[in-house]
Protein backbone atom coordinates (compact mmCIF):
# COMPACT_ATOMS: atom_id res chain seq x y z
CA UNK A 1 -8.22 -25.72 -15.07
CA UNK A 2 -7.14 -24.58 -11.56
CA UNK A 3 -3.47 -23.89 -12.64
CA UNK A 4 -5.11 -21.80 -15.54
CA UNK A 5 -7.04 -19.66 -12.90
CA UNK A 6 -3.96 -19.37 -10.71
CA UNK A 7 -1.93 -18.13 -13.76
CA UNK A 8 -4.62 -15.02 -14.80
CA UNK A 9 -4.85 -14.44 -10.73
CA UNK A 10 -1.31 -14.05 -10.92
CA UNK A 11 -1.32 -11.76 -13.72
CA UNK A 12 -3.80 -9.63 -11.98
CA UNK A 13 -1.98 -9.72 -8.82
CA UNK A 14 1.09 -8.28 -10.34
CA UNK A 15 -0.31 -5.60 -12.10
CA UNK A 16 -2.37 -4.47 -8.94
CA UNK A 17 0.66 -4.34 -7.03
CA UNK A 18 2.49 -2.44 -9.42
CA UNK A 19 -0.29 0.06 -9.49
CA UNK A 20 -0.73 0.22 -5.83
CA UNK A 21 3.20 0.94 -5.51
CA UNK A 22 3.52 3.30 -7.94
CA UNK A 23 0.75 5.19 -6.27
CA UNK A 24 2.66 4.74 -2.99
CA UNK A 25 5.94 5.77 -4.65
CA UNK A 26 4.26 8.80 -5.91
CA UNK A 27 3.89 10.07 -2.07
CA UNK A 28 6.99 8.94 -0.57
CA UNK A 29 8.81 10.56 -3.49
CA UNK A 30 7.23 13.78 -3.85
CA UNK A 31 3.98 14.69 -2.45
CA UNK A 32 4.58 14.54 0.95
CA UNK A 33 7.87 16.48 0.53
CA UNK A 34 5.22 19.07 -1.57
CA UNK A 35 2.91 19.27 1.42
CA UNK A 36 5.87 19.74 3.42
CA UNK A 37 6.64 23.02 2.16
CA UNK A 38 3.47 24.26 2.83
CA UNK A 39 2.50 25.92 6.25
CA UNK A 40 1.62 23.51 8.40
CA UNK A 41 -2.40 24.43 8.42
CA UNK A 42 -2.32 24.12 4.67
CA UNK A 43 -0.56 21.01 4.64
CA UNK A 44 -2.77 19.44 7.26
CA UNK A 45 -5.83 20.28 5.31
CA UNK A 46 -4.47 18.91 1.86
CA UNK A 47 -3.29 15.63 3.76
CA UNK A 48 -6.76 15.25 5.47
CA UNK A 49 -8.74 15.94 2.14
CA UNK A 50 -6.47 13.26 0.61
CA UNK A 51 -6.99 11.18 3.14
CA UNK A 52 -11.01 11.36 2.77
CA UNK A 53 -11.27 11.65 -1.25
CA UNK A 54 -8.87 8.12 -1.28
CA UNK A 55 -11.83 6.01 0.40
CA UNK A 56 -13.33 5.64 -3.39
CA UNK A 57 -14.16 2.65 -5.33
CA UNK A 58 -11.19 3.14 -7.68
CA UNK A 59 -8.33 2.96 -5.31
CA UNK A 60 -10.47 0.44 -2.76
CA UNK A 61 -10.72 -2.17 -5.98
CA UNK A 62 -6.78 -2.08 -6.32
CA UNK A 63 -5.91 -1.76 -3.18
CA UNK A 64 -8.09 -4.21 -1.22
CA UNK A 65 -8.70 -6.12 -4.55
CA UNK A 66 -5.16 -6.72 -5.24
CA UNK A 67 -5.43 -7.91 -1.29
CA UNK A 68 -8.13 -10.22 -1.97
CA UNK A 69 -6.52 -11.93 -5.35
CA UNK A 70 -3.37 -12.51 -2.95
CA UNK A 71 -5.26 -14.45 -0.39
CA UNK A 72 -6.92 -16.30 -3.17
CA UNK A 73 -3.17 -17.15 -4.48
CA UNK A 74 -1.97 -17.91 -1.02
CA UNK A 75 -3.99 -20.65 -1.12
CA UNK A 76 -4.09 -21.74 -4.43
CA UNK A 77 0.03 -21.92 -4.21
CA UNK A 78 -0.21 -25.27 -2.15
CA UNK A 79 -1.49 -26.44 -6.03
CA UNK A 80 1.77 -25.67 -7.01
CA UNK A 81 3.93 -26.14 -3.43
CA UNK A 82 5.99 -28.78 -5.08
CA UNK A 83 7.43 -26.25 -7.76
CA UNK A 84 9.62 -22.70 -7.17
CA UNK A 85 6.52 -20.95 -8.75
CA UNK A 86 3.85 -21.96 -5.64
CA UNK A 87 6.78 -20.64 -3.29
CA UNK A 88 6.97 -17.26 -4.76
CA UNK A 89 3.41 -16.89 -5.25
CA UNK A 90 3.02 -17.55 -1.66
CA UNK A 91 6.11 -15.06 -0.53
CA UNK A 92 4.60 -12.33 -3.01
CA UNK A 93 1.22 -12.65 -1.49
CA UNK A 94 2.12 -12.49 2.24
CA UNK A 95 4.40 -9.63 1.27
CA UNK A 96 1.74 -7.55 -0.53
CA UNK A 97 -0.56 -8.53 2.76
CA UNK A 98 1.83 -7.75 5.53
CA UNK A 99 3.84 -4.99 4.29
CA UNK A 100 1.02 -3.10 2.35
CA UNK A 101 -2.45 -3.75 3.98
CA UNK A 102 -0.59 -4.65 7.10
CA UNK A 103 1.21 -1.32 7.23
CA UNK A 104 -1.55 0.64 6.22
CA UNK A 105 -3.99 -0.63 9.14
CA UNK A 106 -1.22 -0.57 11.57
CA UNK A 107 0.63 2.79 11.28
CA UNK A 108 -0.49 4.93 8.47
CA UNK A 109 -4.53 4.66 9.38
CA UNK A 110 -3.73 5.58 13.35
CA UNK A 111 -1.50 8.41 12.13
CA UNK A 112 -4.16 9.44 9.71
CA UNK A 113 -6.63 9.63 12.21
CA UNK A 114 -4.62 11.34 14.66
CA UNK A 115 -4.07 14.33 12.07
CA UNK A 116 -7.56 14.33 11.28
CA UNK A 117 -8.38 14.81 15.26
CA UNK A 118 -5.84 17.66 15.65
CA UNK A 119 -7.33 21.31 15.69
CA UNK A 120 -5.99 23.18 12.95
CA UNK A 121 -3.73 26.39 13.72
CA UNK A 122 -2.44 25.03 17.20
CA UNK A 123 0.92 24.49 18.64
CA UNK A 124 -0.16 21.00 18.45
CA UNK A 125 -0.93 20.61 15.02
CA UNK A 126 2.36 21.99 14.03
CA UNK A 127 4.61 19.44 16.29
CA UNK A 128 1.91 16.67 15.04
CA UNK A 129 2.67 17.69 11.28
CA UNK A 130 6.52 17.76 11.64
CA UNK A 131 6.31 14.26 13.29
CA UNK A 132 3.47 13.30 10.94
CA UNK A 133 5.61 13.97 7.68
CA UNK A 134 8.08 11.64 8.74
CA UNK A 135 6.94 8.92 10.20
CA UNK A 136 3.60 8.59 7.74
CA UNK A 137 6.38 8.76 4.70
CA UNK A 138 8.83 6.30 6.24
CA UNK A 139 5.70 3.43 6.47
CA UNK A 140 4.62 4.73 3.22
CA UNK A 141 8.03 4.05 2.05
CA UNK A 142 7.68 0.15 3.22
CA UNK A 143 4.22 0.34 1.86
CA UNK A 144 6.09 1.10 -1.71
CA UNK A 145 8.44 -1.47 -1.64
CA UNK A 146 6.07 -4.17 -0.59
CA UNK A 147 3.99 -4.55 -3.25
CA UNK A 148 6.82 -3.75 -5.82
CA UNK A 149 8.66 -6.45 -4.51
CA UNK A 150 5.19 -8.64 -4.96
CA UNK A 151 4.97 -7.85 -8.23
CA UNK A 152 8.36 -8.74 -9.41
CA UNK A 153 7.99 -11.98 -7.46
CA UNK A 154 4.40 -12.70 -9.17
CA UNK A 155 6.52 -11.98 -12.42
CA UNK A 156 8.77 -14.64 -11.29
CA UNK A 157 6.38 -17.09 -10.43
CA UNK A 158 4.61 -16.64 -13.92
CA UNK A 159 8.03 -17.12 -16.03
């Protein structure tokens, strides 16, 4: 019974990781570049609007729900520790939790908070926007790669 539950959760985690990685891929590959083409005032306003609207049940279920499944799978990996699958489950879970949720909380959220606090139309806002585009996108790319690697490892564990 526990093995079946782990298999189902690994399948769900693989899908969740792929979905979250895809969302972050869109931002790193074209959304941030498009925002960077806007005048700083407009780019900052658009990004601040995105940062407010992303806090919704659908995204949070995908992002944090996948994290919760990863926590369960990390614990469940002990049941398969003597097999490669158990080690793959643990690696996939840790990579998602550190590279996706950890990076978000340590780097992207503080950058978002700084952007929300800056007064639009000021030289400080223009300087922050330029720095923000580079730093946020770089950390977002880490958030893109981590869940996609995790998805691949979850799929490998299922095979």
